[in-house]
Amino acid sequence: MKIKATVVIPTYNEEKFIERCLKSLCSQTVSRSEYEIIVVDGYSTDKTREIAAKYADKVIYQVSKGVGGARNDGAKEAKGEILVFTDADVIFPRDWLEKILSYFEKANDVIAVCGPDEPLERSGKLVTFYKLVNSFSKLLHRMGIVGTRGTNTAVRRDVFFKIGGYTDYPLCDDVELGLRLRKLGKVVYSDEVKVLMSARRFNKYGILRVLKEWVKGDVMLLLGRRTVGSYARQSY
């Protein structure tokens, strides 16, 4: 059976979240034989790898720098024509992969597909915040600016390697990828391709601090500069 897609998930000490993420991912409407799952682990000190091995096709150690480097490591091992990138604290609707693949199948000029994420924790403050962020992303898309997301992005494999994959930037490497992709072809942003993600980062650092880091990173990218700072390889 031809493998249509490879889902790449970077991990570090994710034993609390990884099982429900992978269970959700293994329950897609797309036949399990048509996609593979690769977990790229940054040398976790908990049971992340052992849990992931129950569900993933491959669990490998990260060798490249940064979260972007982990995604690149997974891409190099991939067999799928479409590379799908997400995170270990994400839950997926059952038709998530089906909808992603449909955009590529309907149009040859589509080189990437991304969508919004919403909080698993449904507090009013978080729901409102995510609505604002997603509305802003949609507005930027209409203006021709698509910042792809680490939680929810798919790219044609040949295009991904043509542009050199992800950078090793300490943050906003996912947004930076979208800025390069848009120069090569059509990048779709669709509300139909949404996922639920844990808001644990906001709970740990606070919404304002994380938002400040995002805005600072995005401004630096638009100025053509490397981002600074880091919240990578954190335990939650």
C-alpha atoms as a PDB file:
ATOM      1  CA  MET A   1       0.000   0.000   0.000  1.00  0.00           C
ATOM      2  CA  LYS A   2       1.318   3.421  -0.981  1.00  0.00           C
ATOM      3  CA  ILE A   3       2.077   5.692   1.971  1.00  0.00           C
ATOM      4  CA  LYS A   4       0.391   9.004   1.288  1.00  0.00           C
ATOM      5  CA  ALA A   5       1.521  10.920   4.348  1.00  0.00           C
ATOM      6  CA  THR A   6       4.069  10.887   7.141  1.00  0.00           C
ATOM      7  CA  VAL A   7       3.179  12.558  10.428  1.00  0.00           C
ATOM      8  CA  VAL A   8       6.226  13.853  12.297  1.00  0.00           C
ATOM      9  CA  ILE A   9       6.032  14.592  16.037  1.00  0.00           C
ATOM     10  CA  PRO A  10       8.963  16.016  18.051  1.00  0.00           C
ATOM     11  CA  THR A  11       8.949  15.016  21.729  1.00  0.00           C
ATOM     12  CA  TYR A  12      10.711  15.672  25.003  1.00  0.00           C
ATOM     13  CA  ASN A  13       9.383  14.295  28.300  1.00  0.00           C
ATOM     14  CA  GLU A  14       5.854  13.923  26.943  1.00  0.00           C
ATOM     15  CA  GLU A  15       4.671  10.838  28.872  1.00  0.00           C
ATOM     16  CA  LYS A  16       1.648  12.765  30.175  1.00  0.00           C
ATOM     17  CA  PHE A  17       0.380  13.664  26.694  1.00  0.00           C
ATOM     18  CA  ILE A  18       1.867  11.454  23.996  1.00  0.00           C
ATOM     19  CA  GLU A  19      -0.453   8.451  24.356  1.00  0.00           C
ATOM     20  CA  ARG A  20      -3.705  10.321  23.848  1.00  0.00           C
ATOM     21  CA  CYS A  21      -2.101  12.229  20.981  1.00  0.00           C
ATOM     22  CA  LEU A  22      -1.075   9.026  19.207  1.00  0.00           C
ATOM     23  CA  LYS A  23      -4.336   7.227  19.955  1.00  0.00           C
ATOM     24  CA  SER A  24      -6.166  10.125  18.331  1.00  0.00           C
ATOM     25  CA  LEU A  25      -3.798  10.034  15.386  1.00  0.00           C
ATOM     26  CA  CYS A  26      -4.229   6.286  14.909  1.00  0.00           C
ATOM     27  CA  SER A  27      -8.028   6.678  14.732  1.00  0.00           C
ATOM     28  CA  GLN A  28      -8.203   8.698  11.520  1.00  0.00           C
ATOM     29  CA  THR A  29     -10.693   8.051   8.710  1.00  0.00           C
ATOM     30  CA  VAL A  30      -7.715   7.525   6.391  1.00  0.00           C
ATOM     31  CA  SER A  31      -6.599   3.889   6.399  1.00  0.00           C
ATOM     32  CA  ARG A  32      -3.726   3.374   8.862  1.00  0.00           C
ATOM     33  CA  SER A  33      -1.794   1.633   6.082  1.00  0.00           C
ATOM     34  CA  GLU A  34      -1.790   4.864   4.054  1.00  0.00           C
ATOM     35  CA  TYR A  35       0.096   6.990   6.572  1.00  0.00           C
ATOM     36  CA  GLU A  36       2.991   6.540   8.952  1.00  0.00           C
ATOM     37  CA  ILE A  37       3.896   8.169  12.247  1.00  0.00           C
ATOM     38  CA  ILE A  38       7.445   9.125  13.164  1.00  0.00           C
ATOM     39  CA  VAL A  39       8.249  10.352  16.671  1.00  0.00           C
ATOM     40  CA  VAL A  40      11.541  12.238  17.018  1.00  0.00           C
ATOM     41  CA  ASP A  41      12.605  12.262  20.643  1.00  0.00           C
ATOM     42  CA  GLY A  42      15.029  14.743  22.183  1.00  0.00           C
ATOM     43  CA  TYR A  43      16.432  12.220  24.693  1.00  0.00           C
ATOM     44  CA  SER A  44      13.502  12.195  27.101  1.00  0.00           C
ATOM     45  CA  THR A  45      14.198  11.111  30.661  1.00  0.00           C
ATOM     46  CA  ASP A  46      10.682   9.732  31.207  1.00  0.00           C
ATOM     47  CA  LYS A  47       8.684   6.999  29.411  1.00  0.00           C
ATOM     48  CA  THR A  48       7.936   8.972  26.245  1.00  0.00           C
ATOM     49  CA  ARG A  49       9.773   6.634  23.865  1.00  0.00           C
ATOM     50  CA  GLU A  50       8.335   3.476  25.399  1.00  0.00           C
ATOM     51  CA  ILE A  51       4.777   4.798  25.108  1.00  0.00           C
ATOM     52  CA  ALA A  52       5.308   6.150  21.597  1.00  0.00           C
ATOM     53  CA  ALA A  53       6.684   2.815  20.396  1.00  0.00           C
ATOM     54  CA  LYS A  54       3.245   1.231  20.963  1.00  0.00           C
ATOM     55  CA  TYR A  55       1.682   3.422  18.268  1.00  0.00           C
ATOM     56  CA  ALA A  56       4.321   5.009  16.027  1.00  0.00           C
ATOM     57  CA  ASP A  57       5.943   3.337  13.029  1.00  0.00           C
ATOM     58  CA  LYS A  58       9.302   4.758  14.052  1.00  0.00           C
ATOM     59  CA  VAL A  59      10.692   6.338  17.200  1.00  0.00           C
ATOM     60  CA  ILE A  60      14.079   7.919  16.564  1.00  0.00           C
ATOM     61  CA  TYR A  61      16.470  10.093  18.515  1.00  0.00           C
ATOM     62  CA  GLN A  62      16.858  13.731  17.545  1.00  0.00           C
ATOM     63  CA  VAL A  63      20.262  14.564  16.079  1.00  0.00           C
ATOM     64  CA  SER A  64      19.698  18.082  14.707  1.00  0.00           C
ATOM     65  CA  LYS A  65      19.410  21.314  16.660  1.00  0.00           C
ATOM     66  CA  GLY A  66      16.125  22.758  17.880  1.00  0.00           C
ATOM     67  CA  VAL A  67      12.498  21.793  17.390  1.00  0.00           C
ATOM     68  CA  GLY A  68      12.874  22.563  13.690  1.00  0.00           C
ATOM     69  CA  GLY A  69      15.840  20.222  13.579  1.00  0.00           C
ATOM     70  CA  ALA A  70      13.766  17.447  15.137  1.00  0.00           C
ATOM     71  CA  ARG A  71      11.129  17.920  12.451  1.00  0.00           C
ATOM     72  CA  ASN A  72      13.820  17.771   9.783  1.00  0.00           C
ATOM     73  CA  ASP A  73      15.165  14.546  11.288  1.00  0.00           C
ATOM     74  CA  GLY A  74      11.719  12.988  10.991  1.00  0.00           C
ATOM     75  CA  ALA A  75      11.278  14.231   7.436  1.00  0.00           C
ATOM     76  CA  LYS A  76      14.507  12.529   6.384  1.00  0.00           C
ATOM     77  CA  GLU A  77      13.086   9.193   7.551  1.00  0.00           C
ATOM     78  CA  ALA A  78       9.712   9.737   5.892  1.00  0.00           C
ATOM     79  CA  LYS A  79       8.216   7.662   3.084  1.00  0.00           C
ATOM     80  CA  GLY A  80       5.070   9.729   2.558  1.00  0.00           C
ATOM     81  CA  GLU A  81       4.587  12.184  -0.300  1.00  0.00           C
ATOM     82  CA  ILE A  82       3.039  14.637   2.156  1.00  0.00           C
ATOM     83  CA  LEU A  83       4.880  15.576   5.355  1.00  0.00           C
ATOM     84  CA  VAL A  84       2.551  16.487   8.206  1.00  0.00           C
ATOM     85  CA  PHE A  85       3.965  18.244  11.257  1.00  0.00           C
ATOM     86  CA  THR A  86       2.323  18.453  14.657  1.00  0.00           C
ATOM     87  CA  ASP A  87       3.101  18.344  18.388  1.00  0.00           C
ATOM     88  CA  ALA A  88       2.779  15.787  21.158  1.00  0.00           C
ATOM     89  CA  ASP A  89       0.105  17.696  23.095  1.00  0.00           C
ATOM     90  CA  VAL A  90      -2.380  17.800  20.218  1.00  0.00           C
ATOM     91  CA  ILE A  91      -5.679  15.929  19.697  1.00  0.00           C
ATOM     92  CA  PHE A  92      -7.062  15.474  16.175  1.00  0.00           C
ATOM     93  CA  PRO A  93     -10.557  15.238  14.704  1.00  0.00           C
ATOM     94  CA  ARG A  94     -11.001  11.850  13.026  1.00  0.00           C
ATOM     95  CA  ASP A  95     -11.122  13.389   9.547  1.00  0.00           C
ATOM     96  CA  TRP A  96      -8.105  15.659  10.068  1.00  0.00           C
ATOM     97  CA  LEU A  97      -5.734  13.799   7.753  1.00  0.00           C
ATOM     98  CA  GLU A  98      -8.476  13.137   5.214  1.00  0.00           C
ATOM     99  CA  LYS A  99      -9.183  16.849   4.899  1.00  0.00           C
ATOM    100  CA  ILE A 100      -5.493  17.714   4.661  1.00  0.00           C
ATOM    101  CA  LEU A 101      -4.899  15.209   1.874  1.00  0.00           C
ATOM    102  CA  SER A 102      -7.995  16.340  -0.015  1.00  0.00           C
ATOM    103  CA  TYR A 103      -6.490  19.799  -0.600  1.00  0.00           C
ATOM    104  CA  PHE A 104      -3.384  18.307  -2.192  1.00  0.00           C
ATOM    105  CA  GLU A 105      -5.429  15.884  -4.287  1.00  0.00           C
ATOM    106  CA  LYS A 106      -7.739  18.595  -5.605  1.00  0.00           C
ATOM    107  CA  ALA A 107      -5.024  20.995  -6.779  1.00  0.00           C
ATOM    108  CA  ASN A 108      -1.483  20.295  -7.963  1.00  0.00           C
ATOM    109  CA  ASP A 109      -0.427  23.878  -7.273  1.00  0.00           C
ATOM    110  CA  VAL A 110      -1.065  23.501  -3.526  1.00  0.00           C
ATOM    111  CA  ILE A 111       2.318  22.955  -1.868  1.00  0.00           C
ATOM    112  CA  ALA A 112       1.286  23.290   1.775  1.00  0.00           C
ATOM    113  CA  VAL A 113      -1.806  23.193   3.978  1.00  0.00           C
ATOM    114  CA  CYS A 114      -2.179  24.536   7.488  1.00  0.00           C
ATOM    115  CA  GLY A 115      -4.983  25.309   9.881  1.00  0.00           C
ATOM    116  CA  PRO A 116      -5.838  26.754  13.282  1.00  0.00           C
ATOM    117  CA  ASP A 117      -5.526  25.214  16.700  1.00  0.00           C
ATOM    118  CA  GLU A 118      -7.925  25.584  19.600  1.00  0.00           C
ATOM    119  CA  PRO A 119      -7.361  24.995  23.320  1.00  0.00           C
ATOM    120  CA  LEU A 120      -8.142  21.662  24.932  1.00  0.00           C
ATOM    121  CA  GLU A 121      -8.759  23.534  28.169  1.00  0.00           C
ATOM    122  CA  ARG A 122     -11.975  25.423  27.494  1.00  0.00           C
ATOM    123  CA  SER A 123     -11.702  28.407  29.843  1.00  0.00           C
ATOM    124  CA  GLY A 124     -13.326  31.588  28.562  1.00  0.00           C
ATOM    125  CA  LYS A 125     -10.044  33.487  28.560  1.00  0.00           C
ATOM    126  CA  LEU A 126      -8.229  30.857  26.503  1.00  0.00           C
ATOM    127  CA  VAL A 127     -11.068  30.376  24.018  1.00  0.00           C
ATOM    128  CA  THR A 128     -11.243  34.136  23.430  1.00  0.00           C
ATOM    129  CA  PHE A 129      -7.473  34.389  23.028  1.00  0.00           C
ATOM    130  CA  TYR A 130      -7.327  31.591  20.467  1.00  0.00           C
ATOM    131  CA  LYS A 131     -10.221  33.102  18.519  1.00  0.00           C
ATOM    132  CA  LEU A 132      -8.308  36.372  18.257  1.00  0.00           C
ATOM    133  CA  VAL A 133      -5.090  34.636  17.174  1.00  0.00           C
ATOM    134  CA  ASN A 134      -6.908  32.523  14.582  1.00  0.00           C
ATOM    135  CA  SER A 135      -8.805  35.527  13.237  1.00  0.00           C
ATOM    136  CA  PHE A 136      -5.510  37.366  12.834  1.00  0.00           C
ATOM    137  CA  SER A 137      -4.002  34.371  11.008  1.00  0.00           C
ATOM    138  CA  LYS A 138      -6.965  34.285   8.649  1.00  0.00           C
ATOM    139  CA  LEU A 139      -6.605  38.002   7.949  1.00  0.00           C
ATOM    140  CA  LEU A 140      -2.892  37.606   7.167  1.00  0.00           C
ATOM    141  CA  HIS A 141      -3.701  34.723   4.819  1.00  0.00           C
ATOM    142  CA  ARG A 142      -6.066  36.962   2.873  1.00  0.00           C
ATOM    143  CA  MET A 143      -3.202  39.441   2.590  1.00  0.00           C
ATOM    144  CA  GLY A 144      -0.953  36.734   1.188  1.00  0.00           C
ATOM    145  CA  ILE A 145       1.025  36.093   4.365  1.00  0.00           C
ATOM    146  CA  VAL A 146       0.767  32.561   5.748  1.00  0.00           C
ATOM    147  CA  GLY A 147       2.717  31.691   8.865  1.00  0.00           C
ATOM    148  CA  THR A 148       2.449  27.923   9.138  1.00  0.00           C
ATOM    149  CA  ARG A 149       2.087  26.329  12.573  1.00  0.00           C
ATOM    150  CA  GLY A 150       4.143  23.625  14.223  1.00  0.00           C
ATOM    151  CA  THR A 151       0.950  22.041  15.522  1.00  0.00           C
ATOM    152  CA  ASN A 152      -0.854  21.791  12.206  1.00  0.00           C
ATOM    153  CA  THR A 153       1.053  21.998   8.922  1.00  0.00           C
ATOM    154  CA  ALA A 154       1.459  19.719   5.887  1.00  0.00           C
ATOM    155  CA  VAL A 155       3.950  20.208   3.045  1.00  0.00           C
ATOM    156  CA  ARG A 156       4.701  18.318  -0.152  1.00  0.00           C
ATOM    157  CA  ARG A 157       7.843  16.323   0.553  1.00  0.00           C
ATOM    158  CA  ASP A 158       9.760  17.441  -2.549  1.00  0.00           C
ATOM    159  CA  VAL A 159       9.020  21.108  -1.843  1.00  0.00           C
ATOM    160  CA  PHE A 160      10.013  20.761   1.807  1.00  0.00           C
ATOM    161  CA  PHE A 161      13.476  19.524   0.897  1.00  0.00           C
ATOM    162  CA  LYS A 162      13.783  21.997  -1.964  1.00  0.00           C
ATOM    163  CA  ILE A 163      13.533  24.925   0.465  1.00  0.00           C
ATOM    164  CA  GLY A 164      15.780  23.289   3.049  1.00  0.00           C
ATOM    165  CA  GLY A 165      13.177  22.337   5.647  1.00  0.00           C
ATOM    166  CA  TYR A 166      12.873  24.063   8.995  1.00  0.00           C
ATOM    167  CA  THR A 167      15.489  26.388  10.444  1.00  0.00           C
ATOM    168  CA  ASP A 168      16.964  25.821  13.905  1.00  0.00           C
ATOM    169  CA  TYR A 169      15.547  29.146  15.133  1.00  0.00           C
ATOM    170  CA  PRO A 170      14.736  29.010  18.869  1.00  0.00           C
ATOM    171  CA  LEU A 171      11.156  30.171  18.228  1.00  0.00           C
ATOM    172  CA  CYS A 172       8.807  31.001  15.365  1.00  0.00           C
ATOM    173  CA  ASP A 173      10.598  28.506  13.106  1.00  0.00           C
ATOM    174  CA  ASP A 174       7.144  27.310  12.038  1.00  0.00           C
ATOM    175  CA  VAL A 175       6.091  30.810  10.967  1.00  0.00           C
ATOM    176  CA  GLU A 176       9.369  31.297   9.116  1.00  0.00           C
ATOM    177  CA  LEU A 177       8.742  28.142   7.081  1.00  0.00           C
ATOM    178  CA  GLY A 178       5.473  29.597   5.806  1.00  0.00           C
ATOM    179  CA  LEU A 179       7.163  32.809   4.716  1.00  0.00           C
ATOM    180  CA  ARG A 180       9.525  30.810   2.501  1.00  0.00           C
ATOM    181  CA  LEU A 181       6.884  28.402   1.216  1.00  0.00           C
ATOM    182  CA  ARG A 182       4.622  31.146  -0.114  1.00  0.00           C
ATOM    183  CA  LYS A 183       7.359  32.120  -2.592  1.00  0.00           C
ATOM    184  CA  LEU A 184       7.170  28.700  -4.269  1.00  0.00           C
ATOM    185  CA  GLY A 185       3.470  28.024  -4.565  1.00  0.00           C
ATOM    186  CA  LYS A 186       0.025  28.052  -2.994  1.00  0.00           C
ATOM    187  CA  VAL A 187      -0.224  27.667   0.775  1.00  0.00           C
ATOM    188  CA  VAL A 188      -3.756  26.932   1.984  1.00  0.00           C
ATOM    189  CA  TYR A 189      -5.000  28.072   5.383  1.00  0.00           C
ATOM    190  CA  SER A 190      -8.271  26.322   6.196  1.00  0.00           C
ATOM    191  CA  ASP A 191     -10.587  26.412   9.213  1.00  0.00           C
ATOM    192  CA  GLU A 192     -11.621  22.864   8.267  1.00  0.00           C
ATOM    193  CA  VAL A 193      -8.161  21.584   9.196  1.00  0.00           C
ATOM    194  CA  LYS A 194      -8.180  22.404  12.897  1.00  0.00           C
ATOM    195  CA  VAL A 195      -6.764  20.617  15.929  1.00  0.00           C
ATOM    196  CA  LEU A 196      -7.037  20.873  19.693  1.00  0.00           C
ATOM    197  CA  MET A 197      -3.845  21.580  21.605  1.00  0.00           C
ATOM    198  CA  SER A 198      -2.976  21.876  25.259  1.00  0.00           C
ATOM    199  CA  ALA A 199      -2.666  25.409  26.579  1.00  0.00           C
ATOM    200  CA  ARG A 200      -0.040  24.245  29.072  1.00  0.00           C
ATOM    201  CA  ARG A 201       2.523  26.765  27.824  1.00  0.00           C
ATOM    202  CA  PHE A 202       0.140  29.617  28.598  1.00  0.00           C
ATOM    203  CA  ASN A 203      -0.632  28.107  31.995  1.00  0.00           C
ATOM    204  CA  LYS A 204       3.097  27.878  32.777  1.00  0.00           C
ATOM    205  CA  TYR A 205       4.268  31.244  31.468  1.00  0.00           C
ATOM    206  CA  GLY A 206       1.099  33.314  31.155  1.00  0.00           C
ATOM    207  CA  ILE A 207      -0.700  34.452  27.995  1.00  0.00           C
ATOM    208  CA  LEU A 208       0.937  37.877  27.853  1.00  0.00           C
ATOM    209  CA  ARG A 209       4.489  36.556  28.119  1.00  0.00           C
ATOM    210  CA  VAL A 210       3.983  33.939  25.388  1.00  0.00           C
ATOM    211  CA  LEU A 211       2.199  36.428  23.146  1.00  0.00           C
ATOM    212  CA  LYS A 212       5.034  38.910  23.619  1.00  0.00           C
ATOM    213  CA  GLU A 213       7.551  36.271  22.522  1.00  0.00           C
ATOM    214  CA  TRP A 214       5.457  35.416  19.462  1.00  0.00           C
ATOM    215  CA  VAL A 215       5.088  39.047  18.395  1.00  0.00           C
ATOM    216  CA  LYS A 216       8.781  39.735  18.926  1.00  0.00           C
ATOM    217  CA  GLY A 217       9.682  36.652  16.893  1.00  0.00           C
ATOM    218  CA  ASP A 218       7.308  37.525  14.062  1.00  0.00           C
ATOM    219  CA  VAL A 219       8.648  41.077  13.832  1.00  0.00           C
ATOM    220  CA  MET A 220      12.212  39.806  13.648  1.00  0.00           C
ATOM    221  CA  LEU A 221      11.257  37.402  10.864  1.00  0.00           C
ATOM    222  CA  LEU A 222       9.596  40.163   8.850  1.00  0.00           C
ATOM    223  CA  LEU A 223      12.806  42.172   9.257  1.00  0.00           C
ATOM    224  CA  GLY A 224      14.759  39.227   7.881  1.00  0.00           C
ATOM    225  CA  ARG A 225      16.486  38.463  11.168  1.00  0.00           C
ATOM    226  CA  ARG A 226      16.996  35.315  13.231  1.00  0.00           C
ATOM    227  CA  THR A 227      14.722  35.044  16.256  1.00  0.00           C
ATOM    228  CA  VAL A 228      16.092  34.981  19.805  1.00  0.00           C
ATOM    229  CA  GLY A 229      14.879  33.387  23.037  1.00  0.00           C
ATOM    230  CA  SER A 230      13.646  29.873  23.659  1.00  0.00           C
ATOM    231  CA  TYR A 231      10.918  27.779  25.216  1.00  0.00           C
ATOM    232  CA  ALA A 232      11.996  24.609  23.446  1.00  0.00           C
ATOM    233  CA  ARG A 233      12.770  21.321  25.238  1.00  0.00           C
ATOM    234  CA  GLN A 234      10.613  22.169  28.238  1.00  0.00           C
ATOM    235  CA  SER A 235       8.957  19.725  30.624  1.00  0.00           C
ATOM    236  CA  TYR A 236       5.327  20.444  31.514  1.00  0.00           C
END
